[in-house]
Amino acid sequence: MPQLDRVNKAYDARLRKASKQITDSDLTDSDNAQTFDLDYDGAAFPAGAYVFGVRIAVAEKFSGGSASAVAVDVGDGTDGDAYVDGADVLSNPVDGEAAAITAGIAPHKPCGGKTLKVTVNSTDDTLDNLTQGDMTVEVLFAVPE
């Protein structure tokens, strides 16, 4: 195989990142859950892709109203918490990340051809009553040959 072909294959299989920033001003639903699309470069994840990990960077914890919990799920259209189940973004962040992140039932599930979903859930108050908060959900994935 020519050198350029090997370089192109390695580049295609590299670790990639898709991200979605969500702040309190994005949370406009007057109920306890709101879902956002997380795609890759404006489209579904490439065919054959699978998740290596999910990071939830918290620049400012969510607060306001009378919410006793604010949690984040990351999944796809068939399993809303496949990758992350109930990450705590109400408590003080730990090293700049969600205070607690629980892996979903299939944290390395294939994601090719899908748009992932980030769902923010609140307990004891509606999302539109949150007055501060800023997080970025990052999904690391690869597309092996």
Foldseek 3Di string as FASTA:
>chain_A
DDPVVVVVQCVQFDKDKWKDKDKLVNQADQAFKDKDWTDDPPFFAAAQKWFPAKWKFWPDAWDFDPWPWKFKAKFFPVDRRQQWDGFTRNDDADVRTGVDTDGHVHNGDGRHRTTMMMMIGTPPGGSNRIDTIMIMMMTIMGRHD
